[in-house]
Amino acid sequence: GDYGCTFTYSAQGGTNEQWQMTVGVSEDNGLFSCSIWRPQGKSYLFFTQFKAEVKGAKIEYAMAYSQAAAGALNDIPLKQEEFEITETTVSHREGKFRFELSKLMIVAKTPRDEL
């Protein structure tokens, strides 16, 4: 509909890795979510850069993880200095990002029409 999520990246390795992306809108259309992750947990891709961008909404919350939960393993978040969040994007931070990404979650607020 009115909302979108785009994920762009540059990476090496990780032959035939399976990744998933889901987008959703809350029942009241107030929130838009976008998740990109590797269901098997840890990715073996060597990410040199990444950027997720939302269209039609402003980011309320976002988190990036070096490892996604799988089996007995938990999500392991990136350090705060490794990535940056703006109103519409989540991206790697040049010189600080340690090249590991397995999951990215974004929750954005959609514009409301005031009565």
N, C-alpha and C. Protein backbone atom coordinates (compact mmCIF):
# COMPACT_ATOMS: atom_id res chain seq x y z
N GLY A 1 0.81 -1.20 0.00
CA GLY A 1 0.00 0.00 0.00
C GLY A 1 0.84 1.25 0.00
N ASP A 2 0.65 2.08 1.01
CA ASP A 2 1.35 3.37 1.09
C ASP A 2 2.74 3.26 1.70
N TYR A 3 3.09 2.06 2.19
CA TYR A 3 4.34 1.90 2.92
C TYR A 3 5.26 0.93 2.19
N GLY A 4 6.56 1.12 2.41
CA GLY A 4 7.53 0.23 1.78
C GLY A 4 8.79 0.12 2.60
N CYS A 5 9.56 -0.90 2.30
CA CYS A 5 10.83 -1.13 2.97
C CYS A 5 11.81 -1.64 1.92
N THR A 6 12.96 -0.99 1.85
CA THR A 6 13.99 -1.38 0.89
C THR A 6 15.26 -1.71 1.66
N PHE A 7 15.88 -2.83 1.31
CA PHE A 7 17.13 -3.24 1.95
C PHE A 7 18.21 -3.32 0.88
N THR A 8 19.27 -2.51 1.03
CA THR A 8 20.39 -2.55 0.09
C THR A 8 21.65 -2.87 0.89
N TYR A 9 22.53 -3.62 0.27
CA TYR A 9 23.73 -4.04 0.98
C TYR A 9 24.85 -4.37 0.00
N SER A 10 26.04 -4.49 0.55
CA SER A 10 27.19 -4.98 -0.19
C SER A 10 27.85 -6.01 0.71
N ALA A 11 28.09 -7.21 0.17
CA ALA A 11 28.65 -8.29 0.99
C ALA A 11 29.45 -9.26 0.13
N GLN A 12 30.28 -10.06 0.81
CA GLN A 12 31.06 -11.10 0.14
C GLN A 12 30.82 -12.42 0.84
N GLY A 13 30.91 -13.53 0.09
CA GLY A 13 30.80 -14.87 0.67
C GLY A 13 29.36 -15.31 0.85
N GLY A 14 29.18 -16.33 1.71
CA GLY A 14 27.84 -16.79 2.06
C GLY A 14 27.06 -17.42 0.93
N THR A 15 27.68 -18.28 0.16
CA THR A 15 27.03 -18.93 -0.97
C THR A 15 25.70 -19.56 -0.59
N ASN A 16 24.67 -19.25 -1.35
CA ASN A 16 23.32 -19.84 -1.18
C ASN A 16 22.68 -19.61 0.18
N GLU A 17 23.02 -18.54 0.88
CA GLU A 17 22.35 -18.27 2.16
C GLU A 17 20.90 -17.89 1.90
N GLN A 18 20.02 -18.41 2.76
CA GLN A 18 18.60 -18.09 2.67
C GLN A 18 18.29 -16.94 3.63
N TRP A 19 17.64 -15.91 3.13
CA TRP A 19 17.23 -14.76 3.94
C TRP A 19 15.73 -14.55 3.76
N GLN A 20 15.11 -13.92 4.75
CA GLN A 20 13.68 -13.60 4.65
C GLN A 20 13.45 -12.14 4.97
N MET A 21 12.37 -11.61 4.39
CA MET A 21 11.97 -10.24 4.68
C MET A 21 10.46 -10.24 4.88
N THR A 22 10.01 -9.63 5.97
CA THR A 22 8.58 -9.50 6.18
C THR A 22 8.25 -8.04 6.45
N VAL A 23 7.12 -7.62 5.94
CA VAL A 23 6.61 -6.28 6.21
C VAL A 23 5.18 -6.43 6.69
N GLY A 24 4.75 -5.53 7.55
CA GLY A 24 3.39 -5.62 8.07
C GLY A 24 2.90 -4.28 8.57
N VAL A 25 1.59 -4.16 8.66
CA VAL A 25 0.96 -2.95 9.17
C VAL A 25 0.03 -3.37 10.29
N SER A 26 0.03 -2.62 11.41
CA SER A 26 -0.84 -2.95 12.53
C SER A 26 -2.30 -2.78 12.12
N GLU A 27 -3.19 -3.41 12.89
CA GLU A 27 -4.62 -3.37 12.55
C GLU A 27 -5.18 -1.97 12.41
N ASP A 28 -4.70 -1.07 13.27
CA ASP A 28 -5.20 0.31 13.20
C ASP A 28 -4.41 1.18 12.22
N ASN A 29 -3.50 0.56 11.45
CA ASN A 29 -2.65 1.26 10.48
C ASN A 29 -1.71 2.27 11.12
N GLY A 30 -1.50 2.18 12.44
CA GLY A 30 -0.65 3.14 13.14
C GLY A 30 0.83 2.81 13.07
N LEU A 31 1.15 1.53 12.93
CA LEU A 31 2.55 1.11 12.88
C LEU A 31 2.84 0.26 11.65
N PHE A 32 4.03 0.42 11.13
CA PHE A 32 4.51 -0.34 9.98
C PHE A 32 5.79 -1.02 10.43
N SER A 33 5.92 -2.32 10.17
CA SER A 33 7.14 -3.02 10.58
C SER A 33 7.82 -3.67 9.39
N CYS A 34 9.12 -3.77 9.50
CA CYS A 34 9.94 -4.37 8.45
C CYS A 34 11.04 -5.17 9.14
N SER A 35 11.17 -6.44 8.81
CA SER A 35 12.22 -7.28 9.38
C SER A 35 12.95 -8.02 8.26
N ILE A 36 14.26 -8.05 8.37
CA ILE A 36 15.10 -8.77 7.42
C ILE A 36 15.99 -9.67 8.27
N TRP A 37 16.02 -10.97 8.00
CA TRP A 37 16.84 -11.85 8.84
C TRP A 37 17.17 -13.15 8.15
N ARG A 38 18.13 -13.85 8.74
CA ARG A 38 18.52 -15.18 8.29
C ARG A 38 17.93 -16.18 9.27
N PRO A 39 16.93 -16.97 8.85
CA PRO A 39 16.26 -17.91 9.76
C PRO A 39 17.21 -18.93 10.40
N GLN A 40 18.31 -19.24 9.74
CA GLN A 40 19.26 -20.21 10.30
C GLN A 40 20.12 -19.62 11.40
N GLY A 41 19.93 -18.35 11.72
CA GLY A 41 20.70 -17.72 12.79
C GLY A 41 21.81 -16.86 12.25
N LYS A 42 23.05 -17.31 12.42
CA LYS A 42 24.20 -16.50 12.03
C LYS A 42 24.42 -16.52 10.52
N SER A 43 24.72 -15.34 9.99
CA SER A 43 25.07 -15.23 8.58
C SER A 43 26.59 -15.30 8.45
N TYR A 44 27.05 -15.91 7.36
CA TYR A 44 28.48 -15.97 7.11
C TYR A 44 28.89 -14.99 6.03
N LEU A 45 27.96 -14.11 5.66
CA LEU A 45 28.30 -13.06 4.72
C LEU A 45 29.20 -12.04 5.42
N PHE A 46 30.11 -11.47 4.67
CA PHE A 46 30.98 -10.41 5.16
C PHE A 46 30.37 -9.12 4.61
N PHE A 47 29.57 -8.45 5.44
CA PHE A 47 28.89 -7.23 4.99
C PHE A 47 29.84 -6.03 5.04
N THR A 48 29.99 -5.35 3.93
CA THR A 48 30.79 -4.12 3.95
C THR A 48 29.89 -2.92 4.20
N GLN A 49 28.62 -3.03 3.81
CA GLN A 49 27.66 -1.96 4.10
C GLN A 49 26.24 -2.49 4.01
N PHE A 50 25.32 -1.78 4.70
CA PHE A 50 23.90 -2.11 4.59
C PHE A 50 23.07 -0.86 4.88
N LYS A 51 21.87 -0.85 4.32
CA LYS A 51 20.93 0.24 4.59
C LYS A 51 19.52 -0.27 4.37
N ALA A 52 18.67 -0.05 5.36
CA ALA A 52 17.24 -0.35 5.22
C ALA A 52 16.52 0.98 5.26
N GLU A 53 15.60 1.16 4.34
CA GLU A 53 14.89 2.43 4.24
C GLU A 53 13.39 2.19 4.20
N VAL A 54 12.64 2.94 5.02
CA VAL A 54 11.19 2.83 5.01
C VAL A 54 10.60 4.00 4.25
N LYS A 55 9.48 3.73 3.59
CA LYS A 55 8.77 4.75 2.81
C LYS A 55 7.38 4.90 3.41
N GLY A 56 6.96 6.13 3.62
CA GLY A 56 5.60 6.40 4.09
C GLY A 56 5.43 6.35 5.59
N ALA A 57 6.53 6.22 6.34
CA ALA A 57 6.45 6.16 7.81
C ALA A 57 7.78 6.65 8.40
N LYS A 58 7.76 7.00 9.70
CA LYS A 58 8.97 7.45 10.39
C LYS A 58 9.36 6.42 11.44
N ILE A 59 10.65 6.08 11.46
CA ILE A 59 11.15 5.04 12.36
C ILE A 59 10.99 5.45 13.83
N GLU A 60 10.35 4.55 14.59
CA GLU A 60 10.18 4.71 16.04
C GLU A 60 11.23 3.91 16.77
N TYR A 61 11.52 2.70 16.26
CA TYR A 61 12.44 1.78 16.90
C TYR A 61 13.14 0.97 15.82
N ALA A 62 14.42 0.72 16.02
CA ALA A 62 15.15 -0.15 15.10
C ALA A 62 16.28 -0.82 15.85
N MET A 63 16.60 -2.05 15.45
CA MET A 63 17.72 -2.75 16.06
C MET A 63 18.35 -3.67 15.01
N ALA A 64 19.67 -3.73 15.04
CA ALA A 64 20.42 -4.61 14.14
C ALA A 64 21.15 -5.63 14.99
N TYR A 65 21.27 -6.84 14.47
CA TYR A 65 21.87 -7.94 15.22
C TYR A 65 22.96 -8.63 14.41
N SER A 66 24.04 -9.04 15.11
CA SER A 66 25.09 -9.78 14.42
C SER A 66 24.70 -11.25 14.31
N GLN A 67 23.82 -11.72 15.23
CA GLN A 67 23.33 -13.10 15.16
C GLN A 67 21.84 -13.11 15.44
N ALA A 68 21.11 -13.84 14.61
CA ALA A 68 19.66 -13.99 14.81
C ALA A 68 19.40 -15.24 15.63
N ALA A 69 18.35 -15.22 16.42
CA ALA A 69 18.00 -16.38 17.26
C ALA A 69 17.73 -17.60 16.39
N ALA A 70 18.28 -18.74 16.81
CA ALA A 70 18.05 -20.02 16.13
C ALA A 70 18.37 -21.12 17.12
N GLY A 71 17.46 -22.07 17.27
CA GLY A 71 17.69 -23.14 18.23
C GLY A 71 17.85 -22.58 19.63
N ALA A 72 18.96 -22.91 20.30
CA ALA A 72 19.20 -22.45 21.66
C ALA A 72 19.91 -21.09 21.69
N LEU A 73 20.25 -20.57 20.52
CA LEU A 73 20.98 -19.30 20.45
C LEU A 73 20.02 -18.12 20.44
N ASN A 74 20.43 -17.04 21.09
CA ASN A 74 19.62 -15.82 21.14
C ASN A 74 20.11 -14.79 20.14
N ASP A 75 19.28 -13.78 19.90
CA ASP A 75 19.71 -12.63 19.11
C ASP A 75 20.89 -11.96 19.82
N ILE A 76 21.87 -11.54 19.06
CA ILE A 76 22.98 -10.77 19.63
C ILE A 76 22.99 -9.41 18.92
N PRO A 77 22.65 -8.34 19.65
CA PRO A 77 22.58 -7.02 19.00
C PRO A 77 23.95 -6.48 18.65
N LEU A 78 23.99 -5.67 17.59
CA LEU A 78 25.20 -4.94 17.27
C LEU A 78 25.40 -3.90 18.36
N LYS A 79 26.64 -3.45 18.52
CA LYS A 79 26.90 -2.34 19.44
C LYS A 79 26.28 -1.07 18.84
N GLN A 80 25.80 -0.19 19.70
CA GLN A 80 25.11 1.01 19.25
C GLN A 80 25.95 1.85 18.27
N GLU A 81 27.29 1.84 18.45
CA GLU A 81 28.13 2.66 17.57
C GLU A 81 28.31 2.05 16.17
N GLU A 82 27.88 0.79 15.98
CA GLU A 82 28.09 0.13 14.69
C GLU A 82 27.07 0.54 13.61
N PHE A 83 25.93 1.10 14.04
CA PHE A 83 24.91 1.49 13.06
C PHE A 83 24.23 2.77 13.50
N GLU A 84 23.56 3.42 12.54
CA GLU A 84 22.86 4.66 12.86
C GLU A 84 21.43 4.62 12.35
N ILE A 85 20.59 5.34 13.06
CA ILE A 85 19.16 5.38 12.75
C ILE A 85 18.75 6.82 12.50
N THR A 86 18.07 7.05 11.38
CA THR A 86 17.49 8.37 11.10
C THR A 86 15.96 8.20 11.09
N GLU A 87 15.24 9.22 10.66
CA GLU A 87 13.77 9.12 10.60
C GLU A 87 13.30 8.03 9.66
N THR A 88 14.08 7.76 8.61
CA THR A 88 13.62 6.80 7.61
C THR A 88 14.62 5.69 7.26
N THR A 89 15.84 5.72 7.84
CA THR A 89 16.83 4.70 7.48
C THR A 89 17.55 4.11 8.70
N VAL A 90 18.04 2.90 8.51
CA VAL A 90 18.96 2.25 9.45
C VAL A 90 20.13 1.81 8.59
N SER A 91 21.34 2.21 8.95
CA SER A 91 22.48 1.86 8.10
C SER A 91 23.74 1.64 8.93
N HIS A 92 24.73 0.98 8.29
CA HIS A 92 26.01 0.74 8.93
C HIS A 92 26.70 2.08 9.19
N ARG A 93 27.58 2.12 10.16
CA ARG A 93 28.36 3.32 10.43
C ARG A 93 29.79 3.05 9.97
N GLU A 94 30.20 3.79 8.97
CA GLU A 94 31.52 3.64 8.36
C GLU A 94 32.62 3.65 9.42
N GLY A 95 33.51 2.63 9.37
CA GLY A 95 34.63 2.58 10.29
C GLY A 95 34.31 1.96 11.65
N LYS A 96 33.04 1.81 11.98
CA LYS A 96 32.64 1.24 13.27
C LYS A 96 31.97 -0.13 13.11
N PHE A 97 31.28 -0.32 11.99
CA PHE A 97 30.56 -1.56 11.72
C PHE A 97 31.55 -2.71 11.55
N ARG A 98 31.28 -3.84 12.24
CA ARG A 98 32.22 -4.97 12.24
C ARG A 98 31.87 -6.06 11.24
N PHE A 99 31.15 -5.71 10.19
CA PHE A 99 30.90 -6.59 9.04
C PHE A 99 29.97 -7.76 9.28
N GLU A 100 29.34 -7.85 10.46
CA GLU A 100 28.42 -8.96 10.75
C GLU A 100 26.99 -8.45 10.87
N LEU A 101 26.09 -9.08 10.14
CA LEU A 101 24.67 -8.75 10.22
C LEU A 101 23.88 -10.02 9.96
N SER A 102 22.91 -10.31 10.82
CA SER A 102 22.06 -11.48 10.61
C SER A 102 20.58 -11.15 10.73
N LYS A 103 20.30 -9.94 11.28
CA LYS A 103 18.90 -9.57 11.48
C LYS A 103 18.78 -8.06 11.62
N LEU A 104 17.70 -7.52 11.09
CA LEU A 104 17.42 -6.09 11.18
C LEU A 104 15.93 -5.94 11.40
N MET A 105 15.54 -5.20 12.43
CA MET A 105 14.13 -4.99 12.73
C MET A 105 13.82 -3.50 12.78
N ILE A 106 12.72 -3.11 12.17
CA ILE A 106 12.30 -1.71 12.17
C ILE A 106 10.83 -1.63 12.50
N VAL A 107 10.46 -0.72 13.39
CA VAL A 107 9.08 -0.40 13.64
C VAL A 107 8.94 1.09 13.38
N ALA A 108 8.01 1.46 12.50
CA ALA A 108 7.84 2.86 12.13
C ALA A 108 6.40 3.30 12.35
N LYS A 109 6.25 4.57 12.68
CA LYS A 109 4.92 5.14 12.91
C LYS A 109 4.43 5.74 11.60
N THR A 110 3.18 5.42 11.26
CA THR A 110 2.61 5.94 10.03
C THR A 110 1.99 7.31 10.31
N PRO A 111 1.92 8.16 9.30
CA PRO A 111 1.33 9.49 9.53
C PRO A 111 -0.16 9.35 9.87
N ARG A 112 -0.62 10.10 10.85
CA ARG A 112 -2.02 10.04 11.25
C ARG A 112 -2.77 11.26 10.77
N ASP A 113 -3.96 11.02 10.30
CA ASP A 113 -4.84 12.13 9.95
C ASP A 113 -5.59 12.55 11.20
N GLU A 114 -5.32 13.76 11.68
CA GLU A 114 -6.00 14.24 12.87
C GLU A 114 -7.41 14.69 12.50
N LEU A 115 -8.36 14.40 13.37
CA LEU A 115 -9.76 14.80 13.12
C LEU A 115 -9.98 16.25 13.45
